[in-house]
Amino acid sequence: MKIIVGLGNPEEKYLKTFHNMGYIAVGDAAAQLGVKFKKKECEAFTAEANVGGEKVILARPVTYMNNSGRAVKQLLSKYRATVEDLIVLYDDYDIPKGSVRIRPSGSAGTHNGMRSIIAEIGASAFTRIRIGIRDAEVNIPIINYVLSEVKKQDYELFIASCTRAAQAALEIAKGETVENVMTRFNG
């Protein structure tokens, strides 16, 4: 079993913001698997798929970014999954725009959604797939930046990054080791 969670904010006005890269990426994973987010459970919209004989739950929390941990904790409990079964996709201001970085564990960095998850589940040893959003040319407070819309000229770059992040998550769900996926996708 794997639970793949894409972080974001549920309202339409946040759809094309930097903070919704996780939502976009998990949506891309669902599209690649041919499933849709039909069910609302555990404070998240979910889709279910079978990948290589293993159950995979894809989730988009509706708790807003800063409370993402509530949904993740509920999903882990409902599906009797462990933190080793968890893969979280999210935007990361600490890495350059367009890059994808995978880690088997770590801190929350500057990300409030990740802080919420780590606090709620009491662990940080779960796979995270980070989608870089930092633009060296932009000099505004982080909160204003992450909630702003992606510039039209950068949109394709971010969509490509989300697709790569989704592919990486699905490789791990298929049984590939995190280390092998890191080697192929980080950068």
N, C-alpha and C. Protein backbone atom coordinates (compact mmCIF):
# COMPACT_ATOMS: atom_id res chain seq x y z
N MET A 1 0.84 -1.18 0.00
CA MET A 1 0.00 0.00 0.00
C MET A 1 0.87 1.24 0.00
N LYS A 2 0.44 2.22 -0.77
CA LYS A 2 1.08 3.54 -0.77
C LYS A 2 -0.02 4.59 -0.70
N ILE A 3 0.26 5.66 0.01
CA ILE A 3 -0.62 6.82 0.04
C ILE A 3 0.17 7.99 -0.51
N ILE A 4 -0.27 8.51 -1.64
CA ILE A 4 0.40 9.62 -2.30
C ILE A 4 -0.45 10.87 -2.09
N VAL A 5 0.10 11.84 -1.38
CA VAL A 5 -0.63 13.06 -1.03
C VAL A 5 -0.01 14.25 -1.75
N GLY A 6 -0.84 15.01 -2.44
CA GLY A 6 -0.41 16.25 -3.08
C GLY A 6 -0.93 17.42 -2.28
N LEU A 7 -0.02 18.27 -1.80
CA LEU A 7 -0.43 19.39 -0.97
C LEU A 7 -0.88 20.58 -1.81
N GLY A 8 -1.85 21.30 -1.26
CA GLY A 8 -2.37 22.49 -1.93
C GLY A 8 -3.51 23.08 -1.14
N ASN A 9 -4.20 24.00 -1.77
CA ASN A 9 -5.37 24.65 -1.18
C ASN A 9 -6.57 24.35 -2.06
N PRO A 10 -7.73 24.04 -1.46
CA PRO A 10 -8.86 23.52 -2.23
C PRO A 10 -9.65 24.52 -3.07
N GLU A 11 -9.57 25.80 -2.80
CA GLU A 11 -10.41 26.75 -3.53
C GLU A 11 -9.90 27.02 -4.94
N GLU A 12 -10.84 27.31 -5.82
CA GLU A 12 -10.54 27.61 -7.23
C GLU A 12 -9.52 28.73 -7.38
N LYS A 13 -9.58 29.74 -6.51
CA LYS A 13 -8.68 30.89 -6.63
C LYS A 13 -7.21 30.51 -6.43
N TYR A 14 -6.94 29.35 -5.85
CA TYR A 14 -5.57 28.89 -5.63
C TYR A 14 -5.07 27.95 -6.73
N LEU A 15 -5.94 27.63 -7.66
CA LEU A 15 -5.65 26.60 -8.65
C LEU A 15 -4.29 26.72 -9.33
N LYS A 16 -3.93 27.91 -9.79
CA LYS A 16 -2.67 28.09 -10.53
C LYS A 16 -1.59 28.79 -9.71
N THR A 17 -1.67 28.66 -8.39
CA THR A 17 -0.64 29.27 -7.54
C THR A 17 0.50 28.29 -7.31
N PHE A 18 1.62 28.84 -6.87
CA PHE A 18 2.78 28.01 -6.58
C PHE A 18 2.48 26.97 -5.49
N HIS A 19 1.66 27.36 -4.53
CA HIS A 19 1.35 26.46 -3.41
C HIS A 19 0.52 25.26 -3.84
N ASN A 20 0.02 25.22 -5.06
CA ASN A 20 -0.79 24.09 -5.52
C ASN A 20 -0.03 23.12 -6.42
N MET A 21 1.28 23.20 -6.45
CA MET A 21 2.06 22.28 -7.27
C MET A 21 1.82 20.83 -6.85
N GLY A 22 1.67 20.58 -5.58
CA GLY A 22 1.39 19.22 -5.11
C GLY A 22 0.05 18.70 -5.61
N TYR A 23 -0.97 19.57 -5.59
CA TYR A 23 -2.29 19.20 -6.12
C TYR A 23 -2.18 18.85 -7.60
N ILE A 24 -1.47 19.70 -8.33
CA ILE A 24 -1.32 19.47 -9.78
C ILE A 24 -0.59 18.15 -10.02
N ALA A 25 0.49 17.91 -9.27
CA ALA A 25 1.29 16.69 -9.46
C ALA A 25 0.49 15.43 -9.14
N VAL A 26 -0.25 15.42 -8.04
CA VAL A 26 -1.03 14.22 -7.70
C VAL A 26 -2.18 14.04 -8.70
N GLY A 27 -2.66 15.15 -9.24
CA GLY A 27 -3.67 15.06 -10.30
C GLY A 27 -3.10 14.43 -11.55
N ASP A 28 -1.85 14.76 -11.84
CA ASP A 28 -1.18 14.16 -12.99
C ASP A 28 -0.96 12.66 -12.76
N ALA A 29 -0.61 12.29 -11.53
CA ALA A 29 -0.45 10.86 -11.21
C ALA A 29 -1.77 10.13 -11.41
N ALA A 30 -2.87 10.74 -10.96
CA ALA A 30 -4.19 10.13 -11.14
C ALA A 30 -4.51 9.96 -12.62
N ALA A 31 -4.20 10.98 -13.42
CA ALA A 31 -4.45 10.89 -14.86
C ALA A 31 -3.63 9.78 -15.49
N GLN A 32 -2.37 9.64 -15.08
CA GLN A 32 -1.52 8.58 -15.61
C GLN A 32 -2.06 7.19 -15.27
N LEU A 33 -2.73 7.10 -14.12
CA LEU A 33 -3.31 5.82 -13.68
C LEU A 33 -4.74 5.63 -14.18
N GLY A 34 -5.32 6.67 -14.77
CA GLY A 34 -6.69 6.58 -15.29
C GLY A 34 -7.75 6.59 -14.22
N VAL A 35 -7.48 7.27 -13.09
CA VAL A 35 -8.46 7.36 -12.02
C VAL A 35 -8.81 8.82 -11.74
N LYS A 36 -9.95 9.02 -11.08
CA LYS A 36 -10.42 10.37 -10.75
C LYS A 36 -10.65 10.50 -9.25
N PHE A 37 -10.56 11.73 -8.77
CA PHE A 37 -10.83 12.03 -7.36
C PHE A 37 -12.34 12.12 -7.17
N LYS A 38 -12.95 10.99 -6.80
CA LYS A 38 -14.41 10.92 -6.69
C LYS A 38 -14.89 10.92 -5.25
N LYS A 39 -14.07 10.47 -4.34
CA LYS A 39 -14.49 10.22 -2.97
C LYS A 39 -13.94 11.31 -2.04
N LYS A 40 -14.75 11.72 -1.06
CA LYS A 40 -14.26 12.63 -0.02
C LYS A 40 -14.25 11.86 1.28
N GLU A 41 -13.06 11.73 1.85
CA GLU A 41 -12.87 11.02 3.11
C GLU A 41 -11.65 11.59 3.81
N CYS A 42 -11.63 11.49 5.11
CA CYS A 42 -10.45 11.91 5.88
C CYS A 42 -10.00 13.34 5.56
N GLU A 43 -10.95 14.22 5.35
CA GLU A 43 -10.66 15.61 5.00
C GLU A 43 -9.80 15.73 3.74
N ALA A 44 -10.11 14.86 2.77
CA ALA A 44 -9.38 14.89 1.50
C ALA A 44 -10.26 14.31 0.40
N PHE A 45 -9.99 14.75 -0.83
CA PHE A 45 -10.56 14.08 -1.99
C PHE A 45 -9.58 12.98 -2.36
N THR A 46 -10.10 11.77 -2.60
CA THR A 46 -9.22 10.64 -2.87
C THR A 46 -9.59 9.90 -4.15
N ALA A 47 -8.60 9.22 -4.66
CA ALA A 47 -8.77 8.32 -5.80
C ALA A 47 -8.01 7.05 -5.44
N GLU A 48 -8.47 5.93 -5.95
CA GLU A 48 -7.83 4.66 -5.64
C GLU A 48 -7.41 3.97 -6.92
N ALA A 49 -6.22 3.38 -6.89
CA ALA A 49 -5.71 2.66 -8.06
C ALA A 49 -4.97 1.42 -7.58
N ASN A 50 -4.68 0.56 -8.53
CA ASN A 50 -3.87 -0.61 -8.29
C ASN A 50 -2.61 -0.45 -9.14
N VAL A 51 -1.47 -0.46 -8.48
CA VAL A 51 -0.20 -0.28 -9.19
C VAL A 51 0.67 -1.50 -8.89
N GLY A 52 0.92 -2.29 -9.90
CA GLY A 52 1.75 -3.47 -9.72
C GLY A 52 1.21 -4.42 -8.66
N GLY A 53 -0.12 -4.52 -8.56
CA GLY A 53 -0.73 -5.42 -7.59
C GLY A 53 -0.87 -4.82 -6.20
N GLU A 54 -0.48 -3.56 -6.05
CA GLU A 54 -0.56 -2.91 -4.75
C GLU A 54 -1.55 -1.76 -4.77
N LYS A 55 -2.31 -1.62 -3.69
CA LYS A 55 -3.28 -0.54 -3.56
C LYS A 55 -2.55 0.79 -3.39
N VAL A 56 -3.01 1.80 -4.14
CA VAL A 56 -2.46 3.14 -4.02
C VAL A 56 -3.62 4.11 -3.84
N ILE A 57 -3.53 4.91 -2.78
CA ILE A 57 -4.51 5.97 -2.52
C ILE A 57 -3.85 7.29 -2.89
N LEU A 58 -4.51 8.06 -3.75
CA LEU A 58 -4.05 9.39 -4.12
C LEU A 58 -4.95 10.38 -3.38
N ALA A 59 -4.37 11.41 -2.79
CA ALA A 59 -5.18 12.32 -1.98
C ALA A 59 -4.80 13.78 -2.17
N ARG A 60 -5.85 14.61 -2.10
CA ARG A 60 -5.73 16.08 -2.10
C ARG A 60 -6.46 16.58 -0.84
N PRO A 61 -5.72 16.91 0.22
CA PRO A 61 -6.37 17.40 1.43
C PRO A 61 -7.19 18.67 1.17
N VAL A 62 -8.30 18.80 1.88
CA VAL A 62 -9.14 19.99 1.77
C VAL A 62 -9.02 20.85 3.03
N THR A 63 -8.01 20.61 3.81
CA THR A 63 -7.80 21.29 5.08
C THR A 63 -7.04 22.61 4.93
N TYR A 64 -6.71 22.97 3.73
CA TYR A 64 -5.81 24.09 3.45
C TYR A 64 -4.40 23.68 3.88
N MET A 65 -3.44 24.33 3.26
CA MET A 65 -2.05 23.94 3.40
C MET A 65 -1.59 23.79 4.85
N ASN A 66 -1.84 24.77 5.67
CA ASN A 66 -1.28 24.79 7.02
C ASN A 66 -1.83 23.71 7.95
N ASN A 67 -2.88 23.02 7.53
CA ASN A 67 -3.45 21.94 8.33
C ASN A 67 -3.43 20.61 7.59
N SER A 68 -2.56 20.46 6.64
CA SER A 68 -2.48 19.24 5.83
C SER A 68 -2.27 17.99 6.67
N GLY A 69 -1.60 18.13 7.79
CA GLY A 69 -1.31 16.99 8.64
C GLY A 69 -2.55 16.28 9.17
N ARG A 70 -3.62 17.03 9.37
CA ARG A 70 -4.86 16.39 9.85
C ARG A 70 -5.33 15.33 8.86
N ALA A 71 -5.38 15.69 7.59
CA ALA A 71 -5.84 14.75 6.57
C ALA A 71 -4.88 13.57 6.45
N VAL A 72 -3.59 13.84 6.46
CA VAL A 72 -2.60 12.76 6.32
C VAL A 72 -2.71 11.79 7.49
N LYS A 73 -2.84 12.30 8.70
CA LYS A 73 -2.97 11.42 9.87
C LYS A 73 -4.21 10.54 9.75
N GLN A 74 -5.32 11.12 9.32
CA GLN A 74 -6.57 10.36 9.17
C GLN A 74 -6.43 9.28 8.08
N LEU A 75 -5.78 9.62 6.98
CA LEU A 75 -5.60 8.65 5.90
C LEU A 75 -4.72 7.48 6.35
N LEU A 76 -3.63 7.78 7.04
CA LEU A 76 -2.76 6.71 7.53
C LEU A 76 -3.53 5.79 8.47
N SER A 77 -4.35 6.38 9.34
CA SER A 77 -5.14 5.58 10.29
C SER A 77 -6.19 4.74 9.57
N LYS A 78 -6.96 5.36 8.70
CA LYS A 78 -8.04 4.64 8.01
C LYS A 78 -7.51 3.45 7.21
N TYR A 79 -6.41 3.65 6.51
CA TYR A 79 -5.88 2.58 5.66
C TYR A 79 -4.82 1.72 6.35
N ARG A 80 -4.67 1.95 7.65
CA ARG A 80 -3.69 1.18 8.45
C ARG A 80 -2.32 1.17 7.77
N ALA A 81 -1.93 2.34 7.31
CA ALA A 81 -0.65 2.50 6.62
C ALA A 81 0.38 3.07 7.59
N THR A 82 1.63 2.86 7.26
CA THR A 82 2.72 3.39 8.08
C THR A 82 3.34 4.60 7.37
N VAL A 83 4.22 5.30 8.07
CA VAL A 83 4.88 6.44 7.45
C VAL A 83 5.74 6.00 6.26
N GLU A 84 6.18 4.76 6.27
CA GLU A 84 6.96 4.24 5.14
C GLU A 84 6.11 4.12 3.88
N ASP A 85 4.79 4.08 4.04
CA ASP A 85 3.87 3.98 2.91
C ASP A 85 3.50 5.35 2.34
N LEU A 86 3.94 6.41 2.98
CA LEU A 86 3.52 7.77 2.64
C LEU A 86 4.50 8.44 1.67
N ILE A 87 3.93 9.07 0.63
CA ILE A 87 4.70 9.89 -0.31
C ILE A 87 3.98 11.23 -0.40
N VAL A 88 4.68 12.32 -0.11
CA VAL A 88 4.08 13.65 -0.14
C VAL A 88 4.72 14.48 -1.25
N LEU A 89 3.87 15.06 -2.11
CA LEU A 89 4.33 15.93 -3.20
C LEU A 89 3.94 17.36 -2.84
N TYR A 90 4.89 18.29 -2.98
CA TYR A 90 4.60 19.66 -2.60
C TYR A 90 5.58 20.65 -3.22
N ASP A 91 5.17 21.92 -3.21
CA ASP A 91 6.02 22.99 -3.70
C ASP A 91 7.10 23.27 -2.66
N ASP A 92 8.28 23.70 -3.13
CA ASP A 92 9.35 24.02 -2.18
C ASP A 92 10.06 25.29 -2.61
N TYR A 93 9.92 26.31 -1.79
CA TYR A 93 10.53 27.62 -2.05
C TYR A 93 12.05 27.56 -1.91
N ASP A 94 12.57 26.54 -1.25
CA ASP A 94 13.99 26.46 -0.97
C ASP A 94 14.82 25.90 -2.13
N ILE A 95 14.16 25.44 -3.20
CA ILE A 95 14.92 24.93 -4.35
C ILE A 95 14.48 25.66 -5.63
N PRO A 96 15.36 25.74 -6.62
CA PRO A 96 15.08 26.53 -7.83
C PRO A 96 13.86 26.04 -8.61
N LYS A 97 13.18 27.00 -9.24
CA LYS A 97 11.97 26.69 -10.00
C LYS A 97 12.24 25.65 -11.08
N GLY A 98 11.30 24.75 -11.20
CA GLY A 98 11.38 23.73 -12.23
C GLY A 98 12.13 22.47 -11.83
N SER A 99 12.83 22.50 -10.70
CA SER A 99 13.59 21.31 -10.31
C SER A 99 12.71 20.39 -9.46
N VAL A 100 13.07 19.12 -9.44
CA VAL A 100 12.37 18.12 -8.63
C VAL A 100 13.42 17.45 -7.76
N ARG A 101 13.13 17.36 -6.47
CA ARG A 101 14.05 16.71 -5.54
C ARG A 101 13.27 15.74 -4.68
N ILE A 102 13.81 14.55 -4.57
CA ILE A 102 13.19 13.47 -3.81
C ILE A 102 14.08 13.17 -2.62
N ARG A 103 13.47 12.98 -1.46
CA ARG A 103 14.21 12.62 -0.25
C ARG A 103 13.42 11.59 0.52
N PRO A 104 14.11 10.65 1.17
CA PRO A 104 13.42 9.64 1.96
C PRO A 104 12.96 10.13 3.33
N SER A 105 13.46 11.31 3.76
CA SER A 105 13.08 11.88 5.04
C SER A 105 13.64 13.29 5.11
N GLY A 106 13.43 13.95 6.23
CA GLY A 106 14.00 15.28 6.40
C GLY A 106 13.12 16.19 7.21
N SER A 107 13.52 17.45 7.25
CA SER A 107 12.78 18.44 8.02
C SER A 107 11.70 19.07 7.13
N ALA A 108 10.93 19.96 7.73
CA ALA A 108 9.88 20.67 6.99
C ALA A 108 10.44 21.84 6.20
N GLY A 109 11.65 22.28 6.53
CA GLY A 109 12.19 23.46 5.87
C GLY A 109 11.29 24.66 6.17
N THR A 110 10.99 25.44 5.14
CA THR A 110 10.14 26.63 5.31
C THR A 110 8.67 26.33 5.02
N HIS A 111 8.32 25.06 4.86
CA HIS A 111 6.98 24.69 4.39
C HIS A 111 6.01 24.38 5.53
N ASN A 112 4.98 25.20 5.68
CA ASN A 112 4.01 25.01 6.77
C ASN A 112 3.18 23.74 6.62
N GLY A 113 2.88 23.33 5.41
CA GLY A 113 2.15 22.08 5.21
C GLY A 113 2.94 20.89 5.71
N MET A 114 4.25 20.89 5.44
CA MET A 114 5.09 19.81 5.93
C MET A 114 5.25 19.87 7.44
N ARG A 115 5.32 21.07 7.99
CA ARG A 115 5.37 21.20 9.46
C ARG A 115 4.13 20.57 10.08
N SER A 116 2.98 20.82 9.48
CA SER A 116 1.73 20.27 9.97
C SER A 116 1.74 18.73 9.92
N ILE A 117 2.21 18.18 8.82
CA ILE A 117 2.25 16.72 8.68
C ILE A 117 3.17 16.11 9.72
N ILE A 118 4.37 16.64 9.85
CA ILE A 118 5.35 16.10 10.80
C ILE A 118 4.80 16.19 12.23
N ALA A 119 4.17 17.31 12.57
CA ALA A 119 3.60 17.48 13.91
C ALA A 119 2.46 16.50 14.16
N GLU A 120 1.58 16.32 13.19
CA GLU A 120 0.41 15.45 13.37
C GLU A 120 0.76 13.97 13.45
N ILE A 121 1.68 13.53 12.58
CA ILE A 121 1.99 12.09 12.57
C ILE A 121 3.17 11.74 13.47
N GLY A 122 3.88 12.76 13.95
CA GLY A 122 4.98 12.52 14.88
C GLY A 122 6.17 11.84 14.26
N ALA A 123 6.38 12.05 12.97
CA ALA A 123 7.51 11.42 12.27
C ALA A 123 7.90 12.26 11.07
N SER A 124 9.16 12.12 10.67
CA SER A 124 9.62 12.83 9.46
C SER A 124 10.27 11.87 8.47
N ALA A 125 10.26 10.57 8.77
CA ALA A 125 10.89 9.58 7.91
C ALA A 125 9.89 9.04 6.90
N PHE A 126 9.42 9.93 6.02
CA PHE A 126 8.55 9.52 4.93
C PHE A 126 9.05 10.20 3.66
N THR A 127 8.73 9.61 2.53
CA THR A 127 9.22 10.11 1.25
C THR A 127 8.54 11.41 0.88
N ARG A 128 9.35 12.36 0.45
CA ARG A 128 8.80 13.62 -0.03
C ARG A 128 9.38 13.93 -1.39
N ILE A 129 8.51 14.42 -2.26
CA ILE A 129 8.91 14.82 -3.61
C ILE A 129 8.62 16.31 -3.71
N ARG A 130 9.69 17.08 -3.79
CA ARG A 130 9.59 18.54 -3.75
C ARG A 130 9.71 19.12 -5.16
N ILE A 131 8.83 20.06 -5.45
CA ILE A 131 8.81 20.74 -6.74
C ILE A 131 9.30 22.16 -6.51
N GLY A 132 10.47 22.48 -7.06
CA GLY A 132 11.08 23.78 -6.83
C GLY A 132 10.28 24.92 -7.43
N ILE A 133 10.12 26.00 -6.64
CA ILE A 133 9.36 27.15 -7.12
C ILE A 133 10.15 28.46 -7.01
N ARG A 134 11.33 28.43 -6.43
CA ARG A 134 12.07 29.68 -6.16
C ARG A 134 12.52 30.33 -7.44
N ASP A 135 12.22 31.60 -7.56
CA ASP A 135 12.65 32.43 -8.69
C ASP A 135 13.57 33.50 -8.11
N ALA A 136 14.85 33.41 -8.45
CA ALA A 136 15.85 34.33 -7.90
C ALA A 136 15.54 35.79 -8.23
N GLU A 137 14.76 36.02 -9.27
CA GLU A 137 14.44 37.39 -9.68
C GLU A 137 13.28 38.00 -8.90
N VAL A 138 12.58 37.20 -8.12
CA VAL A 138 11.43 37.69 -7.37
C VAL A 138 11.86 37.96 -5.93
N ASN A 139 11.54 39.14 -5.44
CA ASN A 139 11.96 39.51 -4.09
C ASN A 139 10.76 40.03 -3.30
N ILE A 140 9.85 39.10 -2.95
CA ILE A 140 8.70 39.45 -2.12
C ILE A 140 8.62 38.43 -0.99
N PRO A 141 7.89 38.73 0.08
CA PRO A 141 7.78 37.76 1.18
C PRO A 141 7.27 36.40 0.67
N ILE A 142 7.78 35.34 1.30
CA ILE A 142 7.44 33.97 0.87
C ILE A 142 5.93 33.76 0.81
N ILE A 143 5.19 34.20 1.83
CA ILE A 143 3.74 33.96 1.87
C ILE A 143 3.06 34.60 0.66
N ASN A 144 3.49 35.77 0.26
CA ASN A 144 2.90 36.43 -0.92
C ASN A 144 3.28 35.68 -2.19
N TYR A 145 4.52 35.20 -2.24
CA TYR A 145 4.99 34.51 -3.43
C TYR A 145 4.25 33.18 -3.64
N VAL A 146 4.17 32.35 -2.60
CA VAL A 146 3.58 31.02 -2.78
C VAL A 146 2.10 31.08 -3.11
N LEU A 147 1.43 32.15 -2.70
CA LEU A 147 0.01 32.30 -3.00
C LEU A 147 -0.26 33.09 -4.28
N SER A 148 0.82 33.47 -4.98
CA SER A 148 0.64 34.18 -6.26
C SER A 148 0.56 33.17 -7.40
N GLU A 149 -0.05 33.61 -8.49
CA GLU A 149 -0.18 32.73 -9.66
C GLU A 149 1.14 32.59 -10.39
N VAL A 150 1.36 31.42 -10.93
CA VAL A 150 2.54 31.16 -11.75
C VAL A 150 2.46 32.05 -12.99
N LYS A 151 3.58 32.67 -13.34
CA LYS A 151 3.62 33.52 -14.54
C LYS A 151 3.37 32.67 -15.78
N LYS A 152 2.67 33.26 -16.75
CA LYS A 152 2.35 32.54 -17.99
C LYS A 152 3.59 31.95 -18.65
N GLN A 153 4.68 32.72 -18.67
CA GLN A 153 5.90 32.25 -19.35
C GLN A 153 6.56 31.07 -18.62
N ASP A 154 6.20 30.87 -17.35
CA ASP A 154 6.78 29.76 -16.56
C ASP A 154 5.84 28.58 -16.42
N TYR A 155 4.59 28.72 -16.86
CA TYR A 155 3.59 27.70 -16.59
C TYR A 155 3.99 26.33 -17.14
N GLU A 156 4.47 26.27 -18.36
CA GLU A 156 4.86 24.98 -18.96
C GLU A 156 6.00 24.32 -18.19
N LEU A 157 6.93 25.13 -17.70
CA LEU A 157 8.03 24.60 -16.89
C LEU A 157 7.48 23.92 -15.63
N PHE A 158 6.53 24.57 -14.97
CA PHE A 158 5.98 24.01 -13.75
C PHE A 158 5.11 22.79 -14.03
N ILE A 159 4.39 22.79 -15.12
CA ILE A 159 3.59 21.61 -15.47
C ILE A 159 4.51 20.42 -15.74
N ALA A 160 5.62 20.67 -16.44
CA ALA A 160 6.59 19.60 -16.70
C ALA A 160 7.19 19.08 -15.38
N SER A 161 7.45 19.98 -14.45
CA SER A 161 7.99 19.57 -13.14
C SER A 161 6.98 18.72 -12.38
N CYS A 162 5.73 19.10 -12.44
CA CYS A 162 4.68 18.33 -11.77
C CYS A 162 4.54 16.94 -12.39
N THR A 163 4.67 16.86 -13.70
CA THR A 163 4.61 15.57 -14.39
C THR A 163 5.77 14.68 -13.95
N ARG A 164 6.97 15.25 -13.86
CA ARG A 164 8.13 14.49 -13.40
C ARG A 164 7.93 14.01 -11.96
N ALA A 165 7.40 14.90 -11.11
CA ALA A 165 7.15 14.53 -9.71
C ALA A 165 6.15 13.37 -9.64
N ALA A 166 5.09 13.44 -10.45
CA ALA A 166 4.09 12.38 -10.48
C ALA A 166 4.71 11.06 -10.94
N GLN A 167 5.53 11.12 -11.97
CA GLN A 167 6.20 9.90 -12.47
C GLN A 167 7.09 9.30 -11.39
N ALA A 168 7.81 10.15 -10.66
CA ALA A 168 8.68 9.66 -9.59
C ALA A 168 7.86 8.97 -8.50
N ALA A 169 6.73 9.57 -8.11
CA ALA A 169 5.87 8.96 -7.09
C ALA A 169 5.36 7.60 -7.55
N LEU A 170 4.97 7.51 -8.81
CA LEU A 170 4.45 6.24 -9.32
C LEU A 170 5.54 5.18 -9.44
N GLU A 171 6.76 5.58 -9.73
CA GLU A 171 7.88 4.62 -9.74
C GLU A 171 8.07 4.01 -8.35
N ILE A 172 8.00 4.86 -7.32
CA ILE A 172 8.14 4.37 -5.95
C ILE A 172 6.96 3.47 -5.61
N ALA A 173 5.76 3.85 -6.03
CA ALA A 173 4.57 3.03 -5.77
C ALA A 173 4.68 1.66 -6.45
N LYS A 174 5.38 1.61 -7.57
CA LYS A 174 5.57 0.34 -8.30
C LYS A 174 6.62 -0.55 -7.64
N GLY A 175 7.31 -0.02 -6.61
CA GLY A 175 8.29 -0.84 -5.90
C GLY A 175 9.73 -0.43 -6.12
N GLU A 176 9.96 0.57 -6.92
CA GLU A 176 11.34 1.06 -7.13
C GLU A 176 11.83 1.68 -5.83
N THR A 177 13.10 1.54 -5.52
CA THR A 177 13.62 2.13 -4.29
C THR A 177 13.69 3.64 -4.42
N VAL A 178 13.54 4.31 -3.29
CA VAL A 178 13.62 5.77 -3.28
C VAL A 178 14.99 6.22 -3.79
N GLU A 179 16.03 5.50 -3.42
CA GLU A 179 17.39 5.86 -3.84
C GLU A 179 17.52 5.81 -5.36
N ASN A 180 16.98 4.77 -6.00
CA ASN A 180 17.05 4.67 -7.46
C ASN A 180 16.24 5.78 -8.13
N VAL A 181 15.09 6.09 -7.56
CA VAL A 181 14.26 7.15 -8.12
C VAL A 181 14.96 8.50 -7.93
N MET A 182 15.60 8.70 -6.81
CA MET A 182 16.36 9.93 -6.58
C MET A 182 17.43 10.10 -7.66
N THR A 183 18.13 9.05 -7.96
CA THR A 183 19.20 9.10 -8.96
C THR A 183 18.65 9.51 -10.32
N ARG A 184 17.49 9.01 -10.68
CA ARG A 184 16.91 9.31 -12.00
C ARG A 184 16.21 10.64 -12.08
N PHE A 185 15.57 11.09 -11.00
CA PHE A 185 14.70 12.27 -11.07
C PHE A 185 15.24 13.53 -10.42
N ASN A 186 16.12 13.44 -9.45
CA ASN A 186 16.60 14.65 -8.79
C ASN A 186 17.35 15.54 -9.76
N GLY A 187 17.07 16.83 -9.68
CA GLY A 187 17.79 17.78 -10.54
C GLY A 187 16.87 18.81 -11.10
